């Protein structure tokens, strides 16, 4: 029997493409969830990608519908933060996040948290990792604290 949860064969390529093509949407993001593949084995798979009209608000709406999920986000600081820290307009910070509501099912939390290492290795080029349990953890201040040189 397989221990842990593997990545779907396309995840690394989809993350690489996400990092390379960040021009199509203002705040691009992707959701990654643990699902069963055709062989009935649990795998981490991209289940939703941001579209042209999506933004941080639509990501929040998606998160409200899920107790536990991973996502990658290309975060762009607000105009105020850019001015304060002399960050050029258009500069973004790709990050990986483990979203786990405080009220989430404990078995589901454990299933996802046991796979964090595998996901981190696949998203290592995104550098910043964030764990969030409520929307305060996804505030600009909280994200800024996690991003180096911010």
N, C-alpha and C. Protein backbone atom coordinates (compact mmCIF):
# COMPACT_ATOMS: atom_id res chain seq x y z
N UNK A 1 0.82 -1.20 0.00
CA UNK A 1 0.00 0.00 0.00
C UNK A 1 0.86 1.26 0.00
N UNK A 2 0.36 2.26 -0.67
CA UNK A 2 1.07 3.53 -0.78
C UNK A 2 0.90 4.33 0.51
N UNK A 3 2.00 4.93 0.98
CA UNK A 3 1.87 5.78 2.16
C UNK A 3 1.83 7.23 1.71
N UNK A 4 1.00 8.01 2.37
CA UNK A 4 0.90 9.42 2.00
C UNK A 4 0.09 9.60 0.74
N UNK A 5 0.03 10.83 0.30
CA UNK A 5 -0.73 11.18 -0.89
C UNK A 5 0.22 11.73 -1.93
N UNK A 6 0.15 11.20 -3.13
CA UNK A 6 1.05 11.64 -4.20
C UNK A 6 0.45 12.85 -4.92
N UNK A 7 1.28 13.46 -5.75
CA UNK A 7 0.80 14.54 -6.60
C UNK A 7 0.29 13.95 -7.90
N UNK A 8 -0.77 14.50 -8.43
CA UNK A 8 -1.24 14.13 -9.75
C UNK A 8 -0.09 14.41 -10.73
N UNK A 9 0.03 13.61 -11.77
CA UNK A 9 1.16 13.74 -12.70
C UNK A 9 1.28 15.12 -13.34
N UNK A 10 0.20 15.87 -13.42
CA UNK A 10 0.23 17.18 -14.08
C UNK A 10 0.48 18.36 -13.15
N UNK A 11 0.49 18.13 -11.83
CA UNK A 11 0.58 19.25 -10.88
C UNK A 11 1.84 20.09 -11.07
N UNK A 12 3.00 19.46 -11.14
CA UNK A 12 4.24 20.24 -11.27
C UNK A 12 4.23 21.10 -12.53
N UNK A 13 3.75 20.54 -13.62
CA UNK A 13 3.69 21.30 -14.88
C UNK A 13 2.70 22.46 -14.77
N UNK A 14 1.56 22.22 -14.14
CA UNK A 14 0.57 23.29 -13.99
C UNK A 14 1.10 24.41 -13.10
N UNK A 15 1.86 24.06 -12.07
CA UNK A 15 2.45 25.09 -11.20
C UNK A 15 3.52 25.86 -11.95
N UNK A 16 4.33 25.17 -12.74
CA UNK A 16 5.36 25.84 -13.55
C UNK A 16 4.69 26.81 -14.53
N UNK A 17 3.62 26.38 -15.17
CA UNK A 17 2.89 27.24 -16.11
C UNK A 17 2.26 28.43 -15.38
N UNK A 18 1.75 28.19 -14.20
CA UNK A 18 1.16 29.26 -13.38
C UNK A 18 2.21 30.33 -13.08
N UNK A 19 3.40 29.88 -12.72
CA UNK A 19 4.46 30.83 -12.37
C UNK A 19 4.92 31.62 -13.60
N UNK A 20 4.96 30.98 -14.74
CA UNK A 20 5.48 31.62 -15.94
C UNK A 20 4.47 32.55 -16.61
N UNK A 21 3.18 32.27 -16.48
CA UNK A 21 2.16 33.05 -17.19
C UNK A 21 1.20 33.69 -16.21
N UNK A 22 1.60 34.82 -15.67
CA UNK A 22 0.78 35.48 -14.67
C UNK A 22 0.14 36.74 -15.23
N UNK A 23 0.07 36.86 -16.54
CA UNK A 23 -0.41 38.09 -17.14
C UNK A 23 -1.90 38.08 -17.46
N UNK A 24 -2.54 36.92 -17.45
CA UNK A 24 -3.92 36.83 -17.92
C UNK A 24 -4.96 37.35 -16.94
N UNK A 25 -4.69 37.25 -15.65
CA UNK A 25 -5.65 37.71 -14.66
C UNK A 25 -4.95 38.54 -13.59
N UNK A 26 -5.69 39.43 -12.96
CA UNK A 26 -5.11 40.34 -11.98
C UNK A 26 -4.54 39.59 -10.77
N UNK A 27 -5.30 38.70 -10.19
CA UNK A 27 -4.82 37.92 -9.05
C UNK A 27 -5.02 36.45 -9.38
N UNK A 28 -4.12 35.88 -10.17
CA UNK A 28 -4.32 34.47 -10.55
C UNK A 28 -4.14 33.55 -9.35
N UNK A 29 -4.96 32.54 -9.32
CA UNK A 29 -4.87 31.53 -8.27
C UNK A 29 -5.35 30.19 -8.82
N UNK A 30 -4.94 29.13 -8.14
CA UNK A 30 -5.38 27.77 -8.47
C UNK A 30 -5.69 27.06 -7.16
N UNK A 31 -6.74 26.28 -7.15
CA UNK A 31 -7.06 25.42 -6.01
C UNK A 31 -6.51 24.03 -6.29
N UNK A 32 -5.95 23.41 -5.25
CA UNK A 32 -5.47 22.04 -5.35
C UNK A 32 -6.14 21.25 -4.24
N UNK A 33 -6.73 20.11 -4.61
CA UNK A 33 -7.45 19.31 -3.63
C UNK A 33 -7.01 17.85 -3.72
N UNK A 34 -7.25 17.13 -2.64
CA UNK A 34 -6.97 15.69 -2.64
C UNK A 34 -8.21 14.99 -3.18
N UNK A 35 -8.03 14.29 -4.28
CA UNK A 35 -9.12 13.57 -4.94
C UNK A 35 -8.65 12.16 -5.27
N UNK A 36 -9.57 11.26 -5.58
CA UNK A 36 -9.19 9.92 -6.01
C UNK A 36 -9.01 9.90 -7.51
N UNK A 37 -7.90 9.30 -7.96
CA UNK A 37 -7.68 9.19 -9.41
C UNK A 37 -8.42 7.95 -9.94
N UNK A 38 -8.19 7.64 -11.20
CA UNK A 38 -8.89 6.51 -11.83
C UNK A 38 -8.57 5.18 -11.16
N UNK A 39 -7.40 5.10 -10.51
CA UNK A 39 -7.01 3.86 -9.82
C UNK A 39 -7.46 3.87 -8.35
N UNK A 40 -8.31 4.84 -8.00
CA UNK A 40 -8.83 4.98 -6.64
C UNK A 40 -7.73 5.27 -5.62
N UNK A 41 -6.70 5.96 -6.06
CA UNK A 41 -5.61 6.38 -5.18
C UNK A 41 -5.76 7.88 -4.95
N UNK A 42 -5.60 8.31 -3.70
CA UNK A 42 -5.68 9.74 -3.41
C UNK A 42 -4.50 10.48 -4.02
N UNK A 43 -4.78 11.56 -4.73
CA UNK A 43 -3.73 12.40 -5.31
C UNK A 43 -4.10 13.87 -5.12
N UNK A 44 -3.07 14.72 -5.06
CA UNK A 44 -3.28 16.16 -5.03
C UNK A 44 -3.40 16.61 -6.48
N UNK A 45 -4.49 17.28 -6.80
CA UNK A 45 -4.77 17.66 -8.19
C UNK A 45 -5.30 19.10 -8.24
N UNK A 46 -4.95 19.81 -9.31
CA UNK A 46 -5.51 21.14 -9.54
C UNK A 46 -6.98 20.95 -9.89
N UNK A 47 -7.88 21.54 -9.11
CA UNK A 47 -9.31 21.36 -9.34
C UNK A 47 -9.99 22.63 -9.87
N UNK A 48 -9.34 23.76 -9.73
CA UNK A 48 -9.93 25.00 -10.26
C UNK A 48 -8.84 26.03 -10.49
N UNK A 49 -8.93 26.72 -11.63
CA UNK A 49 -7.98 27.80 -11.95
C UNK A 49 -8.75 29.10 -12.08
N UNK A 50 -8.11 30.19 -11.70
CA UNK A 50 -8.73 31.51 -11.84
C UNK A 50 -8.97 31.80 -13.31
N UNK A 51 -10.07 32.47 -13.57
CA UNK A 51 -10.39 32.90 -14.92
C UNK A 51 -10.13 34.39 -15.07
N UNK A 52 -10.37 34.93 -16.26
CA UNK A 52 -10.07 36.34 -16.54
C UNK A 52 -10.78 37.32 -15.60
N UNK A 53 -11.95 36.97 -15.10
CA UNK A 53 -12.67 37.90 -14.23
C UNK A 53 -12.46 37.60 -12.75
N UNK A 54 -11.63 36.62 -12.42
CA UNK A 54 -11.41 36.25 -11.02
C UNK A 54 -10.41 37.18 -10.35
N UNK A 55 -10.54 37.30 -9.03
CA UNK A 55 -9.63 38.12 -8.24
C UNK A 55 -9.55 37.54 -6.83
N UNK A 56 -8.96 38.28 -5.91
CA UNK A 56 -8.81 37.78 -4.54
C UNK A 56 -10.18 37.54 -3.90
N UNK A 57 -11.15 38.35 -4.25
CA UNK A 57 -12.50 38.20 -3.70
C UNK A 57 -13.14 36.89 -4.17
N UNK A 58 -12.96 36.52 -5.43
CA UNK A 58 -13.53 35.25 -5.90
C UNK A 58 -12.81 34.07 -5.26
N UNK A 59 -11.52 34.23 -4.97
CA UNK A 59 -10.80 33.18 -4.24
C UNK A 59 -11.41 33.01 -2.85
N UNK A 60 -11.66 34.11 -2.18
CA UNK A 60 -12.28 34.04 -0.84
C UNK A 60 -13.63 33.31 -0.91
N UNK A 61 -14.42 33.58 -1.95
CA UNK A 61 -15.71 32.90 -2.10
C UNK A 61 -15.51 31.39 -2.27
N UNK A 62 -14.49 31.01 -3.03
CA UNK A 62 -14.18 29.58 -3.20
C UNK A 62 -13.77 28.97 -1.86
N UNK A 63 -12.97 29.69 -1.08
CA UNK A 63 -12.50 29.17 0.20
C UNK A 63 -13.65 29.00 1.19
N UNK A 64 -14.64 29.86 1.12
CA UNK A 64 -15.80 29.75 2.01
C UNK A 64 -16.53 28.43 1.79
N UNK A 65 -16.41 27.86 0.59
CA UNK A 65 -17.11 26.62 0.24
C UNK A 65 -16.29 25.37 0.59
N UNK A 66 -15.09 25.56 1.11
CA UNK A 66 -14.22 24.42 1.38
C UNK A 66 -13.66 24.51 2.80
N UNK A 67 -13.70 23.39 3.51
CA UNK A 67 -13.13 23.36 4.86
C UNK A 67 -11.61 23.35 4.80
N UNK A 68 -11.09 22.57 3.87
CA UNK A 68 -9.65 22.38 3.76
C UNK A 68 -9.29 22.32 2.27
N UNK A 69 -8.25 23.03 1.88
CA UNK A 69 -7.81 23.04 0.49
C UNK A 69 -6.41 23.66 0.43
N UNK A 70 -5.67 23.34 -0.61
CA UNK A 70 -4.43 24.05 -0.90
C UNK A 70 -4.74 25.04 -2.01
N UNK A 71 -3.99 26.14 -2.06
CA UNK A 71 -4.08 27.00 -3.23
C UNK A 71 -2.74 27.68 -3.47
N UNK A 72 -2.52 28.07 -4.70
CA UNK A 72 -1.38 28.92 -5.03
C UNK A 72 -1.96 30.25 -5.50
N UNK A 73 -1.28 31.31 -5.13
CA UNK A 73 -1.77 32.66 -5.38
C UNK A 73 -0.61 33.54 -5.82
N UNK A 74 -0.84 34.33 -6.83
CA UNK A 74 0.15 35.33 -7.25
C UNK A 74 -0.31 36.65 -6.64
N UNK A 75 0.24 36.95 -5.48
CA UNK A 75 -0.22 38.08 -4.67
C UNK A 75 0.42 39.39 -5.13
N UNK A 76 -0.43 40.40 -5.33
CA UNK A 76 0.07 41.73 -5.68
C UNK A 76 -0.26 42.70 -4.55
N UNK A 77 0.77 43.33 -3.95
CA UNK A 77 0.52 44.27 -2.85
C UNK A 77 -0.34 45.46 -3.29
N UNK A 78 -1.04 46.04 -2.33
CA UNK A 78 -1.87 47.21 -2.60
C UNK A 78 -0.99 48.40 -2.98
N UNK A 79 -1.62 49.41 -3.54
CA UNK A 79 -0.90 50.62 -3.93
C UNK A 79 -0.20 51.23 -2.71
N UNK A 80 -0.87 51.23 -1.58
CA UNK A 80 -0.31 51.79 -0.34
C UNK A 80 0.96 51.04 0.07
N UNK A 81 0.91 49.70 0.05
CA UNK A 81 2.09 48.89 0.42
C UNK A 81 3.21 49.10 -0.58
N UNK A 82 2.87 49.16 -1.88
CA UNK A 82 3.90 49.37 -2.90
C UNK A 82 4.62 50.69 -2.65
N UNK A 83 3.86 51.75 -2.36
CA UNK A 83 4.45 53.07 -2.13
C UNK A 83 5.33 53.06 -0.88
N UNK A 84 4.84 52.46 0.19
CA UNK A 84 5.56 52.43 1.46
C UNK A 84 6.89 51.68 1.36
N UNK A 85 6.89 50.58 0.59
CA UNK A 85 8.08 49.72 0.50
C UNK A 85 8.81 49.85 -0.83
N UNK A 86 8.41 50.84 -1.63
CA UNK A 86 9.06 51.09 -2.92
C UNK A 86 9.04 49.84 -3.81
N UNK A 87 7.89 49.21 -3.90
CA UNK A 87 7.71 48.02 -4.72
C UNK A 87 7.15 48.46 -6.07
N UNK A 88 7.79 48.08 -7.17
CA UNK A 88 7.30 48.51 -8.48
C UNK A 88 5.89 47.97 -8.78
N UNK A 89 5.10 48.76 -9.49
CA UNK A 89 3.76 48.32 -9.91
C UNK A 89 3.91 47.07 -10.78
N UNK A 90 3.07 46.10 -10.55
CA UNK A 90 3.14 44.87 -11.31
C UNK A 90 3.99 43.79 -10.65
N UNK A 91 4.78 44.15 -9.62
CA UNK A 91 5.58 43.16 -8.89
C UNK A 91 4.64 42.29 -8.08
N UNK A 92 4.76 40.99 -8.25
CA UNK A 92 3.88 40.06 -7.54
C UNK A 92 4.71 39.05 -6.76
N UNK A 93 4.06 38.38 -5.83
CA UNK A 93 4.71 37.39 -4.97
C UNK A 93 3.91 36.09 -5.03
N UNK A 94 4.40 35.10 -5.76
CA UNK A 94 3.68 33.82 -5.80
C UNK A 94 3.85 33.08 -4.48
N UNK A 95 2.77 32.52 -3.97
CA UNK A 95 2.86 31.78 -2.72
C UNK A 95 1.95 30.56 -2.74
N UNK A 96 2.29 29.61 -1.89
CA UNK A 96 1.50 28.40 -1.70
C UNK A 96 0.81 28.51 -0.35
N UNK A 97 -0.43 28.10 -0.26
CA UNK A 97 -1.15 28.20 1.00
C UNK A 97 -1.92 26.92 1.32
N UNK A 98 -1.91 26.58 2.59
CA UNK A 98 -2.73 25.49 3.12
C UNK A 98 -3.87 26.15 3.89
N UNK A 99 -5.08 26.07 3.35
CA UNK A 99 -6.28 26.64 3.97
C UNK A 99 -6.97 25.56 4.77
N UNK A 100 -7.18 25.81 6.05
CA UNK A 100 -7.83 24.84 6.92
C UNK A 100 -8.66 25.60 7.95
N UNK A 101 -9.97 25.60 7.76
CA UNK A 101 -10.84 26.30 8.71
C UNK A 101 -10.70 25.67 10.09
N UNK A 102 -10.80 26.49 11.12
CA UNK A 102 -10.71 25.99 12.50
C UNK A 102 -11.76 24.91 12.75
N UNK A 103 -12.91 25.02 12.11
CA UNK A 103 -14.02 24.09 12.34
C UNK A 103 -13.99 22.86 11.42
N UNK A 104 -12.94 22.73 10.62
CA UNK A 104 -12.87 21.63 9.66
C UNK A 104 -12.79 20.27 10.35
N UNK A 105 -13.26 19.26 9.66
CA UNK A 105 -13.18 17.87 10.12
C UNK A 105 -11.73 17.51 10.39
N UNK A 106 -11.45 16.96 11.56
CA UNK A 106 -10.07 16.68 11.99
C UNK A 106 -9.39 15.67 11.07
N UNK A 107 -10.12 14.65 10.60
CA UNK A 107 -9.51 13.66 9.70
C UNK A 107 -9.11 14.30 8.37
N UNK A 108 -9.95 15.21 7.90
CA UNK A 108 -9.65 15.91 6.65
C UNK A 108 -8.43 16.81 6.83
N UNK A 109 -8.37 17.52 7.96
CA UNK A 109 -7.19 18.36 8.25
C UNK A 109 -5.92 17.52 8.27
N UNK A 110 -5.99 16.36 8.93
CA UNK A 110 -4.82 15.49 9.04
C UNK A 110 -4.41 14.97 7.67
N UNK A 111 -5.38 14.61 6.85
CA UNK A 111 -5.09 14.09 5.51
C UNK A 111 -4.31 15.13 4.71
N UNK A 112 -4.77 16.38 4.76
CA UNK A 112 -4.10 17.45 4.02
C UNK A 112 -2.76 17.81 4.66
N UNK A 113 -2.72 17.93 5.98
CA UNK A 113 -1.47 18.35 6.61
C UNK A 113 -0.37 17.31 6.42
N UNK A 114 -0.74 16.04 6.26
CA UNK A 114 0.28 15.00 6.03
C UNK A 114 0.87 15.09 4.62
N UNK A 115 0.26 15.86 3.76
CA UNK A 115 0.72 15.99 2.37
C UNK A 115 1.42 17.32 2.11
N UNK A 116 1.47 18.18 3.10
CA UNK A 116 2.07 19.51 2.92
C UNK A 116 3.50 19.42 2.39
N UNK A 117 4.30 18.50 2.93
CA UNK A 117 5.69 18.37 2.49
C UNK A 117 5.80 18.05 1.01
N UNK A 118 4.95 17.16 0.53
CA UNK A 118 4.95 16.79 -0.89
C UNK A 118 4.59 18.00 -1.74
N UNK A 119 3.58 18.74 -1.30
CA UNK A 119 3.17 19.92 -2.06
C UNK A 119 4.25 21.00 -2.02
N UNK A 120 4.86 21.21 -0.86
CA UNK A 120 5.93 22.22 -0.75
C UNK A 120 7.06 21.91 -1.72
N UNK A 121 7.42 20.63 -1.86
CA UNK A 121 8.52 20.29 -2.78
C UNK A 121 8.12 20.59 -4.22
N UNK A 122 6.85 20.40 -4.55
CA UNK A 122 6.39 20.68 -5.92
C UNK A 122 6.29 22.17 -6.19
N UNK A 123 6.08 22.95 -5.14
CA UNK A 123 5.90 24.39 -5.31
C UNK A 123 7.09 25.17 -4.77
N UNK A 124 8.23 24.52 -4.61
CA UNK A 124 9.39 25.18 -4.00
C UNK A 124 9.82 26.43 -4.75
N UNK A 125 9.56 26.49 -6.05
CA UNK A 125 9.93 27.68 -6.82
C UNK A 125 9.05 28.88 -6.44
N UNK A 126 7.94 28.64 -5.75
CA UNK A 126 7.07 29.75 -5.34
C UNK A 126 7.56 30.40 -4.04
N UNK A 127 8.53 29.77 -3.39
CA UNK A 127 9.24 30.28 -2.21
C UNK A 127 8.40 30.48 -0.96
N UNK A 128 7.33 31.26 -1.00
CA UNK A 128 6.59 31.59 0.22
C UNK A 128 5.48 30.59 0.48
N UNK A 129 5.43 30.09 1.73
CA UNK A 129 4.39 29.15 2.16
C UNK A 129 3.61 29.81 3.29
N UNK A 130 2.31 29.69 3.24
CA UNK A 130 1.43 30.32 4.22
C UNK A 130 0.40 29.32 4.68
N UNK A 131 0.11 29.31 5.98
CA UNK A 131 -0.97 28.49 6.51
C UNK A 131 -2.06 29.45 6.98
N UNK A 132 -3.29 29.21 6.59
CA UNK A 132 -4.39 30.11 6.93
C UNK A 132 -5.58 29.33 7.49
N UNK A 133 -6.17 29.88 8.55
CA UNK A 133 -7.32 29.24 9.18
C UNK A 133 -8.57 30.12 9.14
N UNK A 134 -8.38 31.40 8.84
CA UNK A 134 -9.51 32.32 8.65
C UNK A 134 -9.04 33.45 7.73
N UNK A 135 -9.96 34.34 7.38
CA UNK A 135 -9.62 35.37 6.40
C UNK A 135 -8.64 36.41 6.94
N UNK A 136 -8.51 36.53 8.27
CA UNK A 136 -7.49 37.43 8.83
C UNK A 136 -6.09 36.94 8.45
N UNK A 137 -5.94 35.62 8.34
CA UNK A 137 -4.65 35.04 7.95
C UNK A 137 -4.31 35.35 6.50
N UNK A 138 -5.30 35.80 5.73
CA UNK A 138 -5.08 36.14 4.32
C UNK A 138 -5.15 37.65 4.09
N UNK A 139 -5.01 38.42 5.16
CA UNK A 139 -5.00 39.88 5.02
C UNK A 139 -3.65 40.31 4.43
N UNK A 140 -3.62 41.52 3.91
CA UNK A 140 -2.37 42.03 3.34
C UNK A 140 -1.26 42.05 4.40
N UNK A 141 -1.61 42.40 5.62
CA UNK A 141 -0.62 42.45 6.69
C UNK A 141 -0.04 41.06 6.97
N UNK A 142 -0.93 40.06 7.07
CA UNK A 142 -0.48 38.69 7.35
C UNK A 142 0.37 38.15 6.21
N UNK A 143 -0.06 38.39 4.97
CA UNK A 143 0.72 37.92 3.82
C UNK A 143 2.05 38.66 3.76
N UNK A 144 2.02 39.97 3.99
CA UNK A 144 3.24 40.77 3.97
C UNK A 144 4.26 40.29 4.99
N UNK A 145 3.78 39.84 6.16
CA UNK A 145 4.68 39.32 7.19
C UNK A 145 5.40 38.05 6.73
N UNK A 146 4.75 37.29 5.85
CA UNK A 146 5.35 36.04 5.37
C UNK A 146 6.30 36.24 4.19
N UNK A 147 6.14 37.37 3.50
CA UNK A 147 6.95 37.60 2.30
C UNK A 147 8.23 38.33 2.70
N UNK A 148 9.35 37.78 2.35
CA UNK A 148 10.63 38.42 2.65
C UNK A 148 10.78 39.66 1.77
N UNK A 149 11.51 40.64 2.27
CA UNK A 149 11.76 41.90 1.55
C UNK A 149 10.49 42.65 1.22
N UNK A 150 9.50 42.55 2.08
CA UNK A 150 8.22 43.22 1.81
C UNK A 150 8.08 44.41 2.74
